[in-house]
Amino acid sequence: MNIKRAVIRYYRNRLETYQLTPKNKEKEKEIIEQILANNKYDPHLLTIEPKKKKHDHITQPQKQRWAKFMYVGKETRFITKLFKHTNVKVTFSTNNTISRHLTCEQKTPQPIYDKCGVFQLTCPDCKMTYTGQTGRPFKTRYKEHMRDFSVRGVRAVPPLCIIHPGICLRTEGKSR
């Protein structure tokens, strides 16, 4: 029975939607009636108007209004339940998002000598290098090397020529 109704609906829709001249429309109607008769359907079912659906009486749906709430807990749910019997739909948002957890906030760049890590000092005269590592700012570690130089003198680590350029022990005998 459902298939029969679907077939008749299809042919009725085909007849109403195709852009045909009145003469061609009448010819199409005769062809459809013949198809229905050949398949043992009542050809007069084509001319019967379909029943109107119950929802057809609504002319214009009212525009939905939305209210956005920042979800902070059960208090938010209590407040939004007040909108349940109104024409206002409720949506929630949050600050706790994946993108917020994956991105780190950019702070002002830290000066290079206030950073810690691995450092390398190179003598400009003899190209001797000293590599060190510190967990404190580089500035602090360099001051410690300077203090060691003033106390220990030549035996300071890193080599003297790196801390005080121009006093290179390896190039003193050579002419510049």
N, C-alpha and C. Protein backbone atom coordinates (compact mmCIF):
# COMPACT_ATOMS: atom_id res chain seq x y z
N MET A 1 0.83 -1.20 0.00
CA MET A 1 0.00 0.00 0.00
C MET A 1 0.88 1.27 0.00
N ASN A 2 1.96 1.25 0.81
CA ASN A 2 2.84 2.42 0.86
C ASN A 2 3.54 2.65 -0.48
N ILE A 3 3.88 1.53 -1.15
CA ILE A 3 4.54 1.66 -2.45
C ILE A 3 3.58 2.28 -3.45
N LYS A 4 2.31 1.87 -3.38
CA LYS A 4 1.31 2.41 -4.29
C LYS A 4 1.19 3.93 -4.11
N ARG A 5 1.11 4.36 -2.85
CA ARG A 5 1.00 5.80 -2.57
C ARG A 5 2.26 6.54 -3.03
N ALA A 6 3.41 5.93 -2.84
CA ALA A 6 4.66 6.57 -3.24
C ALA A 6 4.71 6.74 -4.76
N VAL A 7 4.26 5.73 -5.49
CA VAL A 7 4.26 5.80 -6.96
C VAL A 7 3.32 6.91 -7.43
N ILE A 8 2.13 6.95 -6.83
CA ILE A 8 1.15 7.97 -7.23
C ILE A 8 1.68 9.37 -6.88
N ARG A 9 2.28 9.50 -5.71
CA ARG A 9 2.87 10.79 -5.32
C ARG A 9 3.95 11.21 -6.31
N TYR A 10 4.78 10.25 -6.72
CA TYR A 10 5.84 10.54 -7.67
C TYR A 10 5.27 11.06 -8.99
N TYR A 11 4.26 10.37 -9.52
CA TYR A 11 3.68 10.78 -10.80
C TYR A 11 2.96 12.12 -10.68
N ARG A 12 2.27 12.35 -9.56
CA ARG A 12 1.57 13.62 -9.36
C ARG A 12 2.60 14.75 -9.28
N ASN A 13 3.68 14.54 -8.55
CA ASN A 13 4.72 15.56 -8.43
C ASN A 13 5.38 15.83 -9.78
N ARG A 14 5.60 14.76 -10.53
CA ARG A 14 6.18 14.90 -11.86
C ARG A 14 5.29 15.76 -12.76
N LEU A 15 3.99 15.53 -12.68
CA LEU A 15 3.04 16.27 -13.50
C LEU A 15 2.97 17.75 -13.10
N GLU A 16 3.09 18.02 -11.79
CA GLU A 16 2.97 19.40 -11.31
C GLU A 16 4.26 20.20 -11.46
N THR A 17 5.40 19.55 -11.40
CA THR A 17 6.65 20.30 -11.39
C THR A 17 7.28 20.49 -12.75
N TYR A 18 7.02 19.60 -13.70
CA TYR A 18 7.62 19.77 -15.02
C TYR A 18 7.04 20.99 -15.71
N GLN A 19 7.87 21.74 -16.39
CA GLN A 19 7.45 22.93 -17.13
C GLN A 19 6.92 22.48 -18.50
N LEU A 20 5.61 22.26 -18.58
CA LEU A 20 5.00 21.77 -19.82
C LEU A 20 3.92 22.74 -20.32
N THR A 21 3.72 22.73 -21.62
CA THR A 21 2.60 23.50 -22.18
C THR A 21 1.31 22.75 -21.83
N PRO A 22 0.16 23.44 -21.85
CA PRO A 22 -1.10 22.76 -21.49
C PRO A 22 -1.35 21.51 -22.35
N LYS A 23 -1.00 21.55 -23.62
CA LYS A 23 -1.22 20.40 -24.51
C LYS A 23 -0.33 19.22 -24.07
N ASN A 24 0.97 19.51 -23.80
CA ASN A 24 1.90 18.47 -23.37
C ASN A 24 1.55 17.96 -21.97
N LYS A 25 1.02 18.86 -21.14
CA LYS A 25 0.64 18.46 -19.79
C LYS A 25 -0.51 17.45 -19.85
N GLU A 26 -1.48 17.70 -20.72
CA GLU A 26 -2.61 16.79 -20.87
C GLU A 26 -2.12 15.44 -21.42
N LYS A 27 -1.20 15.48 -22.36
CA LYS A 27 -0.65 14.25 -22.94
C LYS A 27 0.11 13.46 -21.86
N GLU A 28 0.90 14.16 -21.03
CA GLU A 28 1.63 13.52 -19.94
C GLU A 28 0.66 12.88 -18.94
N LYS A 29 -0.44 13.57 -18.66
CA LYS A 29 -1.43 13.06 -17.73
C LYS A 29 -2.04 11.76 -18.27
N GLU A 30 -2.31 11.71 -19.56
CA GLU A 30 -2.86 10.50 -20.18
C GLU A 30 -1.85 9.35 -20.09
N ILE A 31 -0.58 9.64 -20.31
CA ILE A 31 0.47 8.61 -20.23
C ILE A 31 0.54 8.06 -18.81
N ILE A 32 0.51 8.95 -17.81
CA ILE A 32 0.58 8.52 -16.42
C ILE A 32 -0.63 7.67 -16.06
N GLU A 33 -1.83 8.09 -16.49
CA GLU A 33 -3.04 7.31 -16.22
C GLU A 33 -2.95 5.93 -16.86
N GLN A 34 -2.38 5.85 -18.05
CA GLN A 34 -2.20 4.57 -18.73
C GLN A 34 -1.23 3.67 -17.96
N ILE A 35 -0.13 4.27 -17.44
CA ILE A 35 0.84 3.51 -16.64
C ILE A 35 0.17 2.95 -15.40
N LEU A 36 -0.63 3.80 -14.72
CA LEU A 36 -1.33 3.35 -13.51
C LEU A 36 -2.30 2.22 -13.84
N ALA A 37 -3.05 2.36 -14.93
CA ALA A 37 -4.02 1.33 -15.32
C ALA A 37 -3.32 0.03 -15.67
N ASN A 38 -2.18 0.10 -16.37
CA ASN A 38 -1.44 -1.11 -16.75
C ASN A 38 -0.90 -1.85 -15.52
N ASN A 39 -0.61 -1.10 -14.44
CA ASN A 39 -0.09 -1.71 -13.21
C ASN A 39 -1.20 -1.97 -12.19
N LYS A 40 -2.45 -1.96 -12.66
CA LYS A 40 -3.63 -2.27 -11.84
C LYS A 40 -3.82 -1.30 -10.69
N TYR A 41 -3.49 -0.03 -10.93
CA TYR A 41 -3.79 1.03 -9.98
C TYR A 41 -4.99 1.80 -10.52
N ASP A 42 -5.72 2.42 -9.61
CA ASP A 42 -6.87 3.23 -10.03
C ASP A 42 -6.35 4.53 -10.62
N PRO A 43 -6.58 4.83 -11.91
CA PRO A 43 -6.05 6.05 -12.51
C PRO A 43 -6.65 7.33 -11.93
N HIS A 44 -7.82 7.22 -11.28
CA HIS A 44 -8.45 8.42 -10.71
C HIS A 44 -7.75 8.88 -9.43
N LEU A 45 -6.87 8.01 -8.86
CA LEU A 45 -6.11 8.42 -7.67
C LEU A 45 -5.16 9.57 -7.99
N LEU A 46 -4.83 9.73 -9.24
CA LEU A 46 -3.93 10.80 -9.67
C LEU A 46 -4.57 12.16 -9.47
N THR A 47 -5.90 12.24 -9.63
CA THR A 47 -6.59 13.53 -9.54
C THR A 47 -7.02 13.86 -8.12
N ILE A 48 -6.97 12.90 -7.19
CA ILE A 48 -7.37 13.17 -5.80
C ILE A 48 -6.26 13.97 -5.13
N GLU A 49 -6.66 15.06 -4.47
CA GLU A 49 -5.70 15.91 -3.77
C GLU A 49 -5.17 15.19 -2.53
N PRO A 50 -3.88 15.28 -2.27
CA PRO A 50 -3.33 14.66 -1.06
C PRO A 50 -3.80 15.42 0.18
N LYS A 51 -3.87 14.70 1.30
CA LYS A 51 -4.29 15.33 2.56
C LYS A 51 -3.21 16.30 3.02
N LYS A 52 -3.67 17.38 3.60
CA LYS A 52 -2.73 18.37 4.14
C LYS A 52 -2.15 17.84 5.45
N LYS A 53 -0.88 18.10 5.66
CA LYS A 53 -0.24 17.72 6.90
C LYS A 53 -0.66 18.67 8.00
N LYS A 54 -0.60 18.21 9.24
CA LYS A 54 -1.02 19.02 10.38
C LYS A 54 -0.12 20.24 10.55
N HIS A 55 1.11 20.14 10.14
CA HIS A 55 2.07 21.23 10.35
C HIS A 55 1.94 22.34 9.31
N ASP A 56 1.05 22.15 8.32
CA ASP A 56 0.93 23.16 7.27
C ASP A 56 0.23 24.43 7.74
N HIS A 57 -0.45 24.39 8.91
CA HIS A 57 -1.17 25.58 9.37
C HIS A 57 -0.23 26.65 9.91
N ILE A 58 1.01 26.31 10.19
CA ILE A 58 1.98 27.30 10.66
C ILE A 58 2.46 28.08 9.44
N THR A 59 2.29 29.39 9.50
CA THR A 59 2.66 30.20 8.35
C THR A 59 4.13 30.58 8.37
N GLN A 60 4.58 31.25 9.41
CA GLN A 60 5.97 31.68 9.53
C GLN A 60 6.53 31.20 10.86
N PRO A 61 7.58 30.41 10.83
CA PRO A 61 8.17 30.04 12.12
C PRO A 61 8.83 31.27 12.75
N GLN A 62 8.69 31.37 14.06
CA GLN A 62 9.28 32.51 14.76
C GLN A 62 10.79 32.33 14.78
N LYS A 63 11.47 33.45 14.69
CA LYS A 63 12.93 33.42 14.69
C LYS A 63 13.42 33.03 16.09
N GLN A 64 14.34 32.09 16.13
CA GLN A 64 14.87 31.62 17.40
C GLN A 64 15.85 32.64 17.97
N ARG A 65 15.76 32.84 19.25
CA ARG A 65 16.73 33.69 19.95
C ARG A 65 17.62 32.78 20.76
N TRP A 66 18.87 33.15 20.83
CA TRP A 66 19.84 32.35 21.56
C TRP A 66 20.50 33.17 22.65
N ALA A 67 20.75 32.54 23.77
CA ALA A 67 21.49 33.17 24.87
C ALA A 67 22.72 32.31 25.15
N LYS A 68 23.87 32.95 25.23
CA LYS A 68 25.13 32.23 25.45
C LYS A 68 25.58 32.45 26.88
N PHE A 69 25.87 31.35 27.58
CA PHE A 69 26.31 31.42 28.96
C PHE A 69 27.67 30.77 29.10
N MET A 70 28.50 31.38 29.94
CA MET A 70 29.79 30.80 30.29
C MET A 70 29.51 29.75 31.35
N TYR A 71 29.81 28.50 31.08
CA TYR A 71 29.50 27.43 32.01
C TYR A 71 30.50 27.45 33.16
N VAL A 72 29.99 27.61 34.39
CA VAL A 72 30.86 27.61 35.56
C VAL A 72 30.46 26.55 36.57
N GLY A 73 29.36 25.87 36.34
CA GLY A 73 28.94 24.82 37.27
C GLY A 73 27.44 24.69 37.32
N LYS A 74 26.96 24.05 38.40
CA LYS A 74 25.53 23.77 38.48
C LYS A 74 24.69 25.05 38.62
N GLU A 75 25.29 26.13 39.04
CA GLU A 75 24.56 27.40 39.11
C GLU A 75 24.12 27.85 37.72
N THR A 76 24.98 27.62 36.75
CA THR A 76 24.66 27.99 35.37
C THR A 76 23.47 27.19 34.88
N ARG A 77 23.41 25.89 35.20
CA ARG A 77 22.28 25.05 34.79
C ARG A 77 20.99 25.54 35.43
N PHE A 78 21.05 25.96 36.69
CA PHE A 78 19.87 26.46 37.38
C PHE A 78 19.32 27.70 36.67
N ILE A 79 20.22 28.61 36.31
CA ILE A 79 19.80 29.85 35.63
C ILE A 79 19.22 29.54 34.26
N THR A 80 19.85 28.65 33.52
CA THR A 80 19.39 28.37 32.16
C THR A 80 18.07 27.61 32.13
N LYS A 81 17.73 26.90 33.19
CA LYS A 81 16.43 26.22 33.25
C LYS A 81 15.28 27.22 33.26
N LEU A 82 15.54 28.45 33.64
CA LEU A 82 14.51 29.48 33.63
C LEU A 82 14.05 29.80 32.21
N PHE A 83 14.90 29.52 31.22
CA PHE A 83 14.59 29.81 29.82
C PHE A 83 13.89 28.64 29.12
N LYS A 84 13.62 27.56 29.86
CA LYS A 84 13.09 26.34 29.26
C LYS A 84 11.75 26.56 28.56
N HIS A 85 10.87 27.34 29.13
CA HIS A 85 9.52 27.54 28.58
C HIS A 85 9.40 28.86 27.83
N THR A 86 10.49 29.36 27.33
CA THR A 86 10.47 30.60 26.56
C THR A 86 10.93 30.30 25.13
N ASN A 87 10.95 31.32 24.31
CA ASN A 87 11.40 31.17 22.93
C ASN A 87 12.92 31.37 22.82
N VAL A 88 13.62 31.35 23.93
CA VAL A 88 15.06 31.58 23.94
C VAL A 88 15.77 30.24 24.12
N LYS A 89 16.64 29.92 23.17
CA LYS A 89 17.45 28.71 23.26
C LYS A 89 18.75 29.06 23.98
N VAL A 90 19.32 28.07 24.64
CA VAL A 90 20.50 28.30 25.48
C VAL A 90 21.69 27.53 24.90
N THR A 91 22.84 28.18 24.89
CA THR A 91 24.08 27.52 24.51
C THR A 91 25.14 27.85 25.57
N PHE A 92 26.11 26.96 25.71
CA PHE A 92 27.14 27.13 26.72
C PHE A 92 28.50 27.28 26.07
N SER A 93 29.39 27.98 26.75
CA SER A 93 30.77 28.07 26.30
C SER A 93 31.66 27.94 27.53
N THR A 94 32.94 27.74 27.29
CA THR A 94 33.88 27.57 28.38
C THR A 94 35.24 28.12 27.98
N ASN A 95 36.03 28.44 28.97
CA ASN A 95 37.41 28.88 28.70
C ASN A 95 38.35 27.69 28.65
N ASN A 96 37.90 26.56 29.16
CA ASN A 96 38.74 25.37 29.28
C ASN A 96 38.69 24.60 27.96
N THR A 97 39.47 25.04 26.98
CA THR A 97 39.46 24.41 25.67
C THR A 97 40.81 23.76 25.38
N ILE A 98 40.83 22.84 24.44
CA ILE A 98 42.06 22.15 24.08
C ILE A 98 43.09 23.13 23.52
N SER A 99 42.64 24.04 22.66
CA SER A 99 43.60 24.97 22.06
C SER A 99 44.25 25.85 23.13
N ARG A 100 43.51 26.14 24.17
CA ARG A 100 44.08 26.95 25.24
C ARG A 100 45.15 26.18 26.01
N HIS A 101 44.95 24.87 26.13
CA HIS A 101 45.94 24.05 26.84
C HIS A 101 47.17 23.78 25.97
N LEU A 102 46.99 23.76 24.65
CA LEU A 102 48.10 23.43 23.77
C LEU A 102 48.99 24.62 23.43
N THR A 103 48.46 25.82 23.52
CA THR A 103 49.26 27.00 23.20
C THR A 103 49.79 27.62 24.48
N CYS A 104 51.02 28.06 24.43
CA CYS A 104 51.58 28.73 25.60
C CYS A 104 51.58 30.23 25.34
N GLU A 105 51.32 30.95 26.40
CA GLU A 105 51.25 32.40 26.26
C GLU A 105 52.66 32.96 26.05
N GLN A 106 52.77 33.88 25.10
CA GLN A 106 54.06 34.49 24.81
C GLN A 106 54.32 35.61 25.81
N LYS A 107 55.39 35.46 26.56
CA LYS A 107 55.78 36.51 27.51
C LYS A 107 56.80 37.41 26.81
N THR A 108 57.15 38.49 27.45
CA THR A 108 58.16 39.36 26.87
C THR A 108 59.47 38.58 26.78
N PRO A 109 60.19 38.73 25.68
CA PRO A 109 61.42 37.94 25.52
C PRO A 109 62.44 38.26 26.61
N GLN A 110 63.07 37.23 27.12
CA GLN A 110 64.05 37.36 28.18
C GLN A 110 65.40 37.75 27.56
N PRO A 111 66.10 38.72 28.17
CA PRO A 111 67.42 39.08 27.63
C PRO A 111 68.35 37.86 27.60
N ILE A 112 69.21 37.81 26.61
CA ILE A 112 70.04 36.64 26.37
C ILE A 112 70.96 36.32 27.55
N TYR A 113 71.45 37.33 28.27
CA TYR A 113 72.38 37.08 29.37
C TYR A 113 71.66 36.73 30.67
N ASP A 114 70.32 36.81 30.67
CA ASP A 114 69.55 36.39 31.85
C ASP A 114 69.09 34.94 31.74
N LYS A 115 69.43 34.27 30.64
CA LYS A 115 69.02 32.89 30.43
C LYS A 115 70.07 31.95 31.01
N CYS A 116 69.65 30.70 31.26
CA CYS A 116 70.59 29.68 31.72
C CYS A 116 70.75 28.63 30.64
N GLY A 117 71.68 27.71 30.83
CA GLY A 117 71.90 26.65 29.86
C GLY A 117 73.36 26.46 29.54
N VAL A 118 73.62 25.95 28.33
CA VAL A 118 74.98 25.70 27.89
C VAL A 118 75.50 26.96 27.20
N PHE A 119 76.75 27.32 27.50
CA PHE A 119 77.34 28.51 26.88
C PHE A 119 78.75 28.17 26.41
N GLN A 120 79.25 29.00 25.49
CA GLN A 120 80.61 28.80 24.98
C GLN A 120 81.26 30.17 24.87
N LEU A 121 82.42 30.30 25.46
CA LEU A 121 83.21 31.53 25.38
C LEU A 121 84.38 31.28 24.45
N THR A 122 84.68 32.24 23.56
CA THR A 122 85.75 32.08 22.58
C THR A 122 86.70 33.27 22.68
N CYS A 123 88.00 32.99 22.71
CA CYS A 123 89.01 34.04 22.73
C CYS A 123 89.10 34.63 21.33
N PRO A 124 89.00 35.97 21.20
CA PRO A 124 89.06 36.57 19.88
C PRO A 124 90.46 36.50 19.26
N ASP A 125 91.50 36.35 20.09
CA ASP A 125 92.86 36.33 19.56
C ASP A 125 93.30 34.93 19.12
N CYS A 126 93.23 33.95 20.03
CA CYS A 126 93.75 32.62 19.71
C CYS A 126 92.64 31.62 19.36
N LYS A 127 91.41 32.04 19.38
CA LYS A 127 90.24 31.21 19.04
C LYS A 127 90.05 30.02 19.97
N MET A 128 90.66 30.10 21.16
CA MET A 128 90.47 29.06 22.16
C MET A 128 89.04 29.17 22.70
N THR A 129 88.41 28.04 22.95
CA THR A 129 87.01 28.07 23.42
C THR A 129 86.89 27.41 24.77
N TYR A 130 85.90 27.84 25.52
CA TYR A 130 85.55 27.23 26.80
C TYR A 130 84.04 27.01 26.78
N THR A 131 83.62 25.76 27.02
CA THR A 131 82.19 25.43 27.03
C THR A 131 81.80 25.09 28.44
N GLY A 132 80.72 25.68 28.91
CA GLY A 132 80.23 25.44 30.26
C GLY A 132 78.72 25.31 30.27
N GLN A 133 78.21 24.93 31.44
CA GLN A 133 76.77 24.79 31.61
C GLN A 133 76.40 25.38 32.95
N THR A 134 75.27 26.08 33.00
CA THR A 134 74.82 26.68 34.25
C THR A 134 73.31 26.62 34.35
N GLY A 135 72.83 26.49 35.57
CA GLY A 135 71.38 26.51 35.83
C GLY A 135 70.94 27.89 36.27
N ARG A 136 71.90 28.77 36.45
CA ARG A 136 71.60 30.16 36.84
C ARG A 136 71.78 31.05 35.63
N PRO A 137 71.41 32.31 35.74
CA PRO A 137 71.62 33.21 34.60
C PRO A 137 73.10 33.27 34.21
N PHE A 138 73.35 33.38 32.91
CA PHE A 138 74.72 33.44 32.38
C PHE A 138 75.49 34.61 32.99
N LYS A 139 74.82 35.72 33.19
CA LYS A 139 75.44 36.91 33.77
C LYS A 139 76.07 36.58 35.13
N THR A 140 75.34 35.82 35.96
CA THR A 140 75.82 35.45 37.29
C THR A 140 77.04 34.54 37.18
N ARG A 141 76.98 33.56 36.27
CA ARG A 141 78.10 32.64 36.11
C ARG A 141 79.34 33.35 35.60
N TYR A 142 79.18 34.32 34.70
CA TYR A 142 80.32 35.07 34.18
C TYR A 142 80.97 35.89 35.31
N LYS A 143 80.15 36.47 36.16
CA LYS A 143 80.70 37.23 37.30
C LYS A 143 81.51 36.32 38.22
N GLU A 144 81.03 35.06 38.39
CA GLU A 144 81.79 34.11 39.20
C GLU A 144 83.15 33.82 38.57
N HIS A 145 83.19 33.68 37.25
CA HIS A 145 84.47 33.46 36.57
C HIS A 145 85.38 34.67 36.77
N MET A 146 84.84 35.86 36.68
CA MET A 146 85.64 37.07 36.88
C MET A 146 86.19 37.12 38.30
N ARG A 147 85.37 36.74 39.27
CA ARG A 147 85.82 36.75 40.67
C ARG A 147 86.93 35.70 40.86
N ASP A 148 86.75 34.53 40.25
CA ASP A 148 87.80 33.50 40.34
C ASP A 148 89.10 33.99 39.73
N PHE A 149 89.02 34.73 38.61
CA PHE A 149 90.22 35.26 37.97
C PHE A 149 90.93 36.25 38.90
N SER A 150 90.16 37.11 39.54
CA SER A 150 90.79 38.10 40.41
C SER A 150 91.42 37.45 41.64
N VAL A 151 90.89 36.32 42.09
CA VAL A 151 91.42 35.62 43.27
C VAL A 151 92.55 34.67 42.87
N ARG A 152 92.36 33.86 41.81
CA ARG A 152 93.32 32.81 41.45
C ARG A 152 94.32 33.26 40.39
N GLY A 153 93.96 34.24 39.63
CA GLY A 153 94.88 34.73 38.61
C GLY A 153 94.91 33.83 37.39
N VAL A 154 96.13 33.40 37.00
CA VAL A 154 96.34 32.68 35.74
C VAL A 154 95.66 31.31 35.74
N ARG A 155 95.50 30.68 36.91
CA ARG A 155 94.93 29.34 36.94
C ARG A 155 93.40 29.35 36.80
N ALA A 156 92.80 30.46 36.51
CA ALA A 156 91.34 30.54 36.44
C ALA A 156 90.80 29.70 35.29
N VAL A 157 89.64 29.12 35.52
CA VAL A 157 88.94 28.39 34.47
C VAL A 157 87.65 29.16 34.24
N PRO A 158 87.35 29.61 33.08
CA PRO A 158 87.98 29.39 31.80
C PRO A 158 89.31 30.11 31.70
N PRO A 159 90.06 29.80 30.65
CA PRO A 159 91.38 30.39 30.49
C PRO A 159 91.34 31.91 30.55
N LEU A 160 92.42 32.50 31.00
CA LEU A 160 92.55 33.93 31.22
C LEU A 160 92.23 34.75 29.98
N CYS A 161 92.65 34.26 28.83
CA CYS A 161 92.47 35.04 27.60
C CYS A 161 91.00 35.17 27.22
N ILE A 162 90.16 34.24 27.65
CA ILE A 162 88.74 34.31 27.30
C ILE A 162 88.03 35.34 28.19
N ILE A 163 88.41 35.39 29.46
CA ILE A 163 87.77 36.33 30.37
C ILE A 163 88.21 37.75 30.09
N HIS A 164 89.51 37.95 29.86
CA HIS A 164 90.04 39.28 29.57
C HIS A 164 90.67 39.28 28.19
N PRO A 165 89.92 39.60 27.13
CA PRO A 165 90.51 39.62 25.80
C PRO A 165 91.65 40.64 25.75
N GLY A 166 92.65 40.29 25.01
CA GLY A 166 93.83 41.15 24.92
C GLY A 166 94.96 40.63 25.77
N ILE A 167 94.67 39.75 26.74
CA ILE A 167 95.72 39.12 27.56
C ILE A 167 95.76 37.65 27.16
N CYS A 168 96.13 37.37 25.98
CA CYS A 168 96.14 36.00 25.50
C CYS A 168 97.54 35.43 25.70
N LEU A 169 97.65 34.39 26.50
CA LEU A 169 98.95 33.79 26.80
C LEU A 169 99.54 33.09 25.58
N ARG A 170 98.73 32.63 24.68
CA ARG A 170 99.21 31.90 23.53
C ARG A 170 99.74 32.84 22.44
N THR A 171 99.30 34.08 22.44
CA THR A 171 99.73 35.00 21.37
C THR A 171 100.68 36.07 21.87
N GLU A 172 101.12 36.01 23.15
CA GLU A 172 101.98 37.07 23.67
C GLU A 172 103.34 37.09 22.99
N GLY A 173 103.87 35.94 22.63
CA GLY A 173 105.18 35.89 22.00
C GLY A 173 105.10 36.22 20.51
N LYS A 174 103.92 36.20 19.95
CA LYS A 174 103.74 36.44 18.52
C LYS A 174 103.45 37.90 18.27
N SER A 175 103.80 38.37 17.13
CA SER A 175 103.48 39.76 16.77
C SER A 175 102.08 39.83 16.20
N ARG A 176 101.50 40.95 16.40
CA ARG A 176 100.13 41.08 15.91
C ARG A 176 100.04 41.84 14.66
